[in-house]
Amino acid sequence: MLYLLKQMYSCDYDENIGLIVRAKNSSEARKLANSCCEDEGLIWTDRALTSCNRLKEDGDSEIILISNTGE
């Protein structure tokens, strides 16, 4: 399954603000996000700071994620 993880607060420069992760469940998706993201700390398992939503395979055409904190 695919999961969209996003920070729920304003970010500093050079931080990951969103990820799309393939995982068996949302807990695994959050742990994987923590394992690859260092600048923002271990925030991805904290439900107060980040969201984690399962992406459906079907649906309307749309942009899923644009992730950029650079200048």
PDB file of N, CA and C in Angstrom:
ATOM      1  N   MET A   1       0.825  -1.162   0.000  1.00  0.00           N
ATOM      2  CA  MET A   1       0.000   0.000   0.000  1.00  0.00           C
ATOM      3  C   MET A   1       0.880   1.240   0.000  1.00  0.00           C
ATOM      4  N   LEU A   2       0.349   2.313  -0.560  1.00  0.00           N
ATOM      5  CA  LEU A   2       1.063   3.581  -0.578  1.00  0.00           C
ATOM      6  C   LEU A   2       0.475   4.517   0.468  1.00  0.00           C
ATOM      7  N   TYR A   3       1.367   5.238   1.153  1.00  0.00           N
ATOM      8  CA  TYR A   3       0.959   6.198   2.177  1.00  0.00           C
ATOM      9  C   TYR A   3       1.587   7.552   1.894  1.00  0.00           C
ATOM     10  N   LEU A   4       0.808   8.600   2.078  1.00  0.00           N
ATOM     11  CA  LEU A   4       1.284   9.967   1.962  1.00  0.00           C
ATOM     12  C   LEU A   4       1.473  10.510   3.370  1.00  0.00           C
ATOM     13  N   LEU A   5       2.707  10.870   3.701  1.00  0.00           N
ATOM     14  CA  LEU A   5       3.024  11.443   5.006  1.00  0.00           C
ATOM     15  C   LEU A   5       3.380  12.907   4.796  1.00  0.00           C
ATOM     16  N   LYS A   6       2.837  13.786   5.643  1.00  0.00           N
ATOM     17  CA  LYS A   6       3.118  15.217   5.536  1.00  0.00           C
ATOM     18  C   LYS A   6       3.294  15.814   6.924  1.00  0.00           C
ATOM     19  N   GLN A   7       4.189  16.816   7.002  1.00  0.00           N
ATOM     20  CA  GLN A   7       4.334  17.575   8.239  1.00  0.00           C
ATOM     21  C   GLN A   7       3.118  18.476   8.392  1.00  0.00           C
ATOM     22  N   MET A   8       2.689  18.720   9.623  1.00  0.00           N
ATOM     23  CA  MET A   8       1.524  19.556   9.883  1.00  0.00           C
ATOM     24  C   MET A   8       1.918  20.884  10.528  1.00  0.00           C
ATOM     25  N   TYR A   9       3.138  21.354  10.271  1.00  0.00           N
ATOM     26  CA  TYR A   9       3.595  22.638  10.798  1.00  0.00           C
ATOM     27  C   TYR A   9       4.561  23.233   9.791  1.00  0.00           C
ATOM     28  N   SER A  10       4.906  24.500   9.963  1.00  0.00           N
ATOM     29  CA  SER A  10       5.835  25.125   9.019  1.00  0.00           C
ATOM     30  C   SER A  10       7.230  24.554   9.219  1.00  0.00           C
ATOM     31  N   CYS A  11       7.953  24.418   8.122  1.00  0.00           N
ATOM     32  CA  CYS A  11       9.243  23.727   8.122  1.00  0.00           C
ATOM     33  C   CYS A  11      10.391  24.695   7.936  1.00  0.00           C
ATOM     34  N   ASP A  12      11.552  24.262   8.366  1.00  0.00           N
ATOM     35  CA  ASP A  12      12.780  25.004   8.118  1.00  0.00           C
ATOM     36  C   ASP A  12      13.331  24.621   6.755  1.00  0.00           C
ATOM     37  N   TYR A  13      14.333  25.329   6.321  1.00  0.00           N
ATOM     38  CA  TYR A  13      14.998  25.049   5.065  1.00  0.00           C
ATOM     39  C   TYR A  13      15.622  23.655   5.105  1.00  0.00           C
ATOM     40  N   ASP A  14      15.566  22.950   3.999  1.00  0.00           N
ATOM     41  CA  ASP A  14      16.205  21.646   3.821  1.00  0.00           C
ATOM     42  C   ASP A  14      15.632  20.567   4.741  1.00  0.00           C
ATOM     43  N   GLU A  15      14.323  20.561   4.901  1.00  0.00           N
ATOM     44  CA  GLU A  15      13.640  19.499   5.631  1.00  0.00           C
ATOM     45  C   GLU A  15      12.685  18.787   4.688  1.00  0.00           C
ATOM     46  N   ASN A  16      12.451  17.519   4.944  1.00  0.00           N
ATOM     47  CA  ASN A  16      11.422  16.793   4.206  1.00  0.00           C
ATOM     48  C   ASN A  16      10.068  17.204   4.761  1.00  0.00           C
ATOM     49  N   ILE A  17       9.199  17.679   3.888  1.00  0.00           N
ATOM     50  CA  ILE A  17       7.871  18.082   4.339  1.00  0.00           C
ATOM     51  C   ILE A  17       6.819  17.057   3.949  1.00  0.00           C
ATOM     52  N   GLY A  18       7.191  16.109   3.111  1.00  0.00           N
ATOM     53  CA  GLY A  18       6.258  15.074   2.713  1.00  0.00           C
ATOM     54  C   GLY A  18       6.971  13.916   2.060  1.00  0.00           C
ATOM     55  N   LEU A  19       6.370  12.749   2.179  1.00  0.00           N
ATOM     56  CA  LEU A  19       6.917  11.537   1.573  1.00  0.00           C
ATOM     57  C   LEU A  19       5.767  10.670   1.089  1.00  0.00           C
ATOM     58  N   ILE A  20       6.027   9.898   0.063  1.00  0.00           N
ATOM     59  CA  ILE A  20       5.127   8.825  -0.331  1.00  0.00           C
ATOM     60  C   ILE A  20       5.891   7.536  -0.096  1.00  0.00           C
ATOM     61  N   VAL A  21       5.312   6.647   0.720  1.00  0.00           N
ATOM     62  CA  VAL A  21       6.003   5.450   1.182  1.00  0.00           C
ATOM     63  C   VAL A  21       5.158   4.218   0.857  1.00  0.00           C
ATOM     64  N   ARG A  22       5.804   3.161   0.379  1.00  0.00           N
ATOM     65  CA  ARG A  22       5.127   1.873   0.216  1.00  0.00           C
ATOM     66  C   ARG A  22       5.408   1.048   1.470  1.00  0.00           C
ATOM     67  N   ALA A  23       4.342   0.605   2.136  1.00  0.00           N
ATOM     68  CA  ALA A  23       4.485  -0.162   3.379  1.00  0.00           C
ATOM     69  C   ALA A  23       3.265  -1.049   3.575  1.00  0.00           C
ATOM     70  N   LYS A  24       3.384  -1.998   4.496  1.00  0.00           N
ATOM     71  CA  LYS A  24       2.277  -2.914   4.797  1.00  0.00           C
ATOM     72  C   LYS A  24       1.154  -2.226   5.559  1.00  0.00           C
ATOM     73  N   ASN A  25       1.501  -1.201   6.380  1.00  0.00           N
ATOM     74  CA  ASN A  25       0.509  -0.473   7.163  1.00  0.00           C
ATOM     75  C   ASN A  25       1.070   0.905   7.520  1.00  0.00           C
ATOM     76  N   SER A  26       0.244   1.741   8.138  1.00  0.00           N
ATOM     77  CA  SER A  26       0.674   3.108   8.435  1.00  0.00           C
ATOM     78  C   SER A  26       1.802   3.150   9.472  1.00  0.00           C
ATOM     79  N   SER A  27       1.807   2.234  10.412  1.00  0.00           N
ATOM     80  CA  SER A  27       2.890   2.199  11.410  1.00  0.00           C
ATOM     81  C   SER A  27       4.230   1.944  10.741  1.00  0.00           C
ATOM     82  N   GLU A  28       4.258   0.987   9.820  1.00  0.00           N
ATOM     83  CA  GLU A  28       5.492   0.702   9.094  1.00  0.00           C
ATOM     84  C   GLU A  28       5.890   1.891   8.220  1.00  0.00           C
ATOM     85  N   ALA A  29       4.919   2.551   7.609  1.00  0.00           N
ATOM     86  CA  ALA A  29       5.213   3.724   6.777  1.00  0.00           C
ATOM     87  C   ALA A  29       5.870   4.818   7.612  1.00  0.00           C
ATOM     88  N   ARG A  30       5.356   5.049   8.805  1.00  0.00           N
ATOM     89  CA  ARG A  30       5.925   6.072   9.683  1.00  0.00           C
ATOM     90  C   ARG A  30       7.345   5.708  10.121  1.00  0.00           C
ATOM     91  N   LYS A  31       7.577   4.451  10.445  1.00  0.00           N
ATOM     92  CA  LYS A  31       8.919   4.010  10.845  1.00  0.00           C
ATOM     93  C   LYS A  31       9.909   4.140   9.696  1.00  0.00           C
ATOM     94  N   LEU A  32       9.487   3.788   8.479  1.00  0.00           N
ATOM     95  CA  LEU A  32      10.352   3.940   7.312  1.00  0.00           C
ATOM     96  C   LEU A  32      10.699   5.412   7.077  1.00  0.00           C
ATOM     97  N   ALA A  33       9.713   6.279   7.237  1.00  0.00           N
ATOM     98  CA  ALA A  33       9.966   7.712   7.065  1.00  0.00           C
ATOM     99  C   ALA A  33      11.007   8.196   8.069  1.00  0.00           C
ATOM    100  N   ASN A  34      10.895   7.763   9.322  1.00  0.00           N
ATOM    101  CA  ASN A  34      11.897   8.148  10.331  1.00  0.00           C
ATOM    102  C   ASN A  34      13.284   7.646   9.967  1.00  0.00           C
ATOM    103  N   SER A  35      13.366   6.487   9.345  1.00  0.00           N
ATOM    104  CA  SER A  35      14.677   5.900   9.054  1.00  0.00           C
ATOM    105  C   SER A  35      15.435   6.639   7.962  1.00  0.00           C
ATOM    106  N   CYS A  36      14.745   7.417   7.137  1.00  0.00           N
ATOM    107  CA  CYS A  36      15.446   8.086   6.033  1.00  0.00           C
ATOM    108  C   CYS A  36      15.501   9.601   6.184  1.00  0.00           C
ATOM    109  N   CYS A  37      14.851  10.143   7.182  1.00  0.00           N
ATOM    110  CA  CYS A  37      14.783  11.596   7.344  1.00  0.00           C
ATOM    111  C   CYS A  37      15.508  11.991   8.615  1.00  0.00           C
ATOM    112  N   GLU A  38      16.528  12.813   8.466  1.00  0.00           N
ATOM    113  CA  GLU A  38      17.340  13.158   9.620  1.00  0.00           C
ATOM    114  C   GLU A  38      17.207  14.609  10.045  1.00  0.00           C
ATOM    115  N   ASP A  39      17.080  15.537   9.107  1.00  0.00           N
ATOM    116  CA  ASP A  39      17.079  16.960   9.448  1.00  0.00           C
ATOM    117  C   ASP A  39      15.931  17.359  10.361  1.00  0.00           C
ATOM    118  N   GLU A  40      14.768  16.744  10.167  1.00  0.00           N
ATOM    119  CA  GLU A  40      13.616  17.132  10.964  1.00  0.00           C
ATOM    120  C   GLU A  40      13.468  16.339  12.255  1.00  0.00           C
ATOM    121  N   GLY A  41      14.311  15.371  12.498  1.00  0.00           N
ATOM    122  CA  GLY A  41      14.221  14.554  13.702  1.00  0.00           C
ATOM    123  C   GLY A  41      13.252  13.398  13.506  1.00  0.00           C
ATOM    124  N   LEU A  42      12.980  12.675  14.554  1.00  0.00           N
ATOM    125  CA  LEU A  42      12.105  11.499  14.485  1.00  0.00           C
ATOM    126  C   LEU A  42      10.646  11.903  14.669  1.00  0.00           C
ATOM    127  N   ILE A  43      10.169  12.755  13.767  1.00  0.00           N
ATOM    128  CA  ILE A  43       8.810  13.289  13.895  1.00  0.00           C
ATOM    129  C   ILE A  43       7.753  12.417  13.245  1.00  0.00           C
ATOM    130  N   TRP A  44       8.154  11.525  12.354  1.00  0.00           N
ATOM    131  CA  TRP A  44       7.175  10.851  11.497  1.00  0.00           C
ATOM    132  C   TRP A  44       6.303   9.838  12.230  1.00  0.00           C
ATOM    133  N   THR A  45       6.697   9.418  13.437  1.00  0.00           N
ATOM    134  CA  THR A  45       5.837   8.541  14.231  1.00  0.00           C
ATOM    135  C   THR A  45       4.971   9.343  15.211  1.00  0.00           C
ATOM    136  N   ASP A  46       5.129  10.651  15.228  1.00  0.00           N
ATOM    137  CA  ASP A  46       4.361  11.523  16.121  1.00  0.00           C
ATOM    138  C   ASP A  46       3.114  12.021  15.393  1.00  0.00           C
ATOM    139  N   ARG A  47       1.959  11.516  15.782  1.00  0.00           N
ATOM    140  CA  ARG A  47       0.694  11.855  15.116  1.00  0.00           C
ATOM    141  C   ARG A  47       0.276  13.305  15.333  1.00  0.00           C
ATOM    142  N   ALA A  48       0.852  13.980  16.311  1.00  0.00           N
ATOM    143  CA  ALA A  48       0.547  15.389  16.539  1.00  0.00           C
ATOM    144  C   ALA A  48       1.301  16.295  15.568  1.00  0.00           C
ATOM    145  N   LEU A  49       2.393  15.780  14.996  1.00  0.00           N
ATOM    146  CA  LEU A  49       3.226  16.589  14.102  1.00  0.00           C
ATOM    147  C   LEU A  49       3.082  16.224  12.632  1.00  0.00           C
ATOM    148  N   THR A  50       2.647  14.996  12.353  1.00  0.00           N
ATOM    149  CA  THR A  50       2.588  14.528  10.965  1.00  0.00           C
ATOM    150  C   THR A  50       1.306  13.751  10.698  1.00  0.00           C
ATOM    151  N   SER A  51       0.895  13.786   9.451  1.00  0.00           N
ATOM    152  CA  SER A  51      -0.251  12.979   9.031  1.00  0.00           C
ATOM    153  C   SER A  51       0.251  11.815   8.189  1.00  0.00           C
ATOM    154  N   CYS A  52      -0.536  10.746   8.153  1.00  0.00           N
ATOM    155  CA  CYS A  52      -0.193   9.569   7.352  1.00  0.00           C
ATOM    156  C   CYS A  52      -1.503   9.009   6.800  1.00  0.00           C
ATOM    157  N   ASN A  53      -1.704   9.182   5.500  1.00  0.00           N
ATOM    158  CA  ASN A  53      -2.950   8.763   4.875  1.00  0.00           C
ATOM    159  C   ASN A  53      -2.678   7.780   3.745  1.00  0.00           C
ATOM    160  N   ARG A  54      -3.467   6.743   3.721  1.00  0.00           N
ATOM    161  CA  ARG A  54      -3.345   5.738   2.658  1.00  0.00           C
ATOM    162  C   ARG A  54      -3.853   6.326   1.353  1.00  0.00           C
ATOM    163  N   LEU A  55      -3.089   6.121   0.299  1.00  0.00           N
ATOM    164  CA  LEU A  55      -3.486   6.587  -1.023  1.00  0.00           C
ATOM    165  C   LEU A  55      -4.288   5.503  -1.729  1.00  0.00           C
ATOM    166  N   LYS A  56      -5.383   5.890  -2.328  1.00  0.00           N
ATOM    167  CA  LYS A  56      -6.180   4.954  -3.109  1.00  0.00           C
ATOM    168  C   LYS A  56      -5.549   4.779  -4.483  1.00  0.00           C
ATOM    169  N   GLU A  57      -5.709   3.617  -5.044  1.00  0.00           N
ATOM    170  CA  GLU A  57      -5.152   3.353  -6.373  1.00  0.00           C
ATOM    171  C   GLU A  57      -5.964   4.009  -7.474  1.00  0.00           C
ATOM    172  N   ASP A  58      -7.240   4.233  -7.226  1.00  0.00           N
ATOM    173  CA  ASP A  58      -8.071   4.848  -8.247  1.00  0.00           C
ATOM    174  C   ASP A  58      -8.427   6.266  -7.810  1.00  0.00           C
ATOM    175  N   GLY A  59      -9.055   7.000  -8.700  1.00  0.00           N
ATOM    176  CA  GLY A  59      -9.464   8.361  -8.380  1.00  0.00           C
ATOM    177  C   GLY A  59      -9.182   9.296  -9.525  1.00  0.00           C
ATOM    178  N   ASP A  60      -9.515  10.545  -9.319  1.00  0.00           N
ATOM    179  CA  ASP A  60      -9.316  11.566 -10.335  1.00  0.00           C
ATOM    180  C   ASP A  60      -7.831  11.856 -10.505  1.00  0.00           C
ATOM    181  N   SER A  61      -7.465  12.369 -11.665  1.00  0.00           N
ATOM    182  CA  SER A  61      -6.094  12.807 -11.908  1.00  0.00           C
ATOM    183  C   SER A  61      -5.790  13.981 -10.981  1.00  0.00           C
ATOM    184  N   GLU A  62      -4.654  13.931 -10.324  1.00  0.00           N
ATOM    185  CA  GLU A  62      -4.275  14.997  -9.400  1.00  0.00           C
ATOM    186  C   GLU A  62      -2.785  14.937  -9.097  1.00  0.00           C
ATOM    187  N   ILE A  63      -2.251  16.038  -8.638  1.00  0.00           N
ATOM    188  CA  ILE A  63      -0.885  16.061  -8.122  1.00  0.00           C
ATOM    189  C   ILE A  63      -0.965  15.573  -6.679  1.00  0.00           C
ATOM    190  N   ILE A  64      -0.190  14.565  -6.351  1.00  0.00           N
ATOM    191  CA  ILE A  64      -0.218  13.988  -5.001  1.00  0.00           C
ATOM    192  C   ILE A  64       0.672  14.776  -4.049  1.00  0.00           C
ATOM    193  N   LEU A  65       1.881  15.113  -4.496  1.00  0.00           N
ATOM    194  CA  LEU A  65       2.822  15.760  -3.593  1.00  0.00           C
ATOM    195  C   LEU A  65       3.806  16.605  -4.367  1.00  0.00           C
ATOM    196  N   ILE A  66       3.968  17.829  -3.948  1.00  0.00           N
ATOM    197  CA  ILE A  66       5.072  18.694  -4.365  1.00  0.00           C
ATOM    198  C   ILE A  66       5.780  19.044  -3.073  1.00  0.00           C
ATOM    199  N   SER A  67       7.010  18.627  -2.921  1.00  0.00           N
ATOM    200  CA  SER A  67       7.732  18.781  -1.670  1.00  0.00           C
ATOM    201  C   SER A  67       8.995  19.596  -1.896  1.00  0.00           C
ATOM    202  N   ASN A  68       8.988  20.860  -1.413  1.00  0.00           N
ATOM    203  CA  ASN A  68      10.138  21.712  -1.636  1.00  0.00           C
ATOM    204  C   ASN A  68      10.207  22.767  -0.537  1.00  0.00           C
ATOM    205  N   THR A  69      11.282  22.768   0.215  1.00  0.00           N
ATOM    206  CA  THR A  69      11.505  23.829   1.183  1.00  0.00           C
ATOM    207  C   THR A  69      12.707  24.674   0.795  1.00  0.00           C
ATOM    208  N   GLY A  70      13.298  24.389  -0.367  1.00  0.00           N
ATOM    209  CA  GLY A  70      14.456  25.138  -0.835  1.00  0.00           C
ATOM    210  C   GLY A  70      14.060  26.499  -1.366  1.00  0.00           C
ATOM    211  N   GLU A  71      15.056  27.334  -1.599  1.00  0.00           N
ATOM    212  CA  GLU A  71      14.796  28.684  -2.112  1.00  0.00           C
ATOM    213  C   GLU A  71      14.881  28.679  -3.622  1.00  0.00           C
TER     214      GLU A  71
END
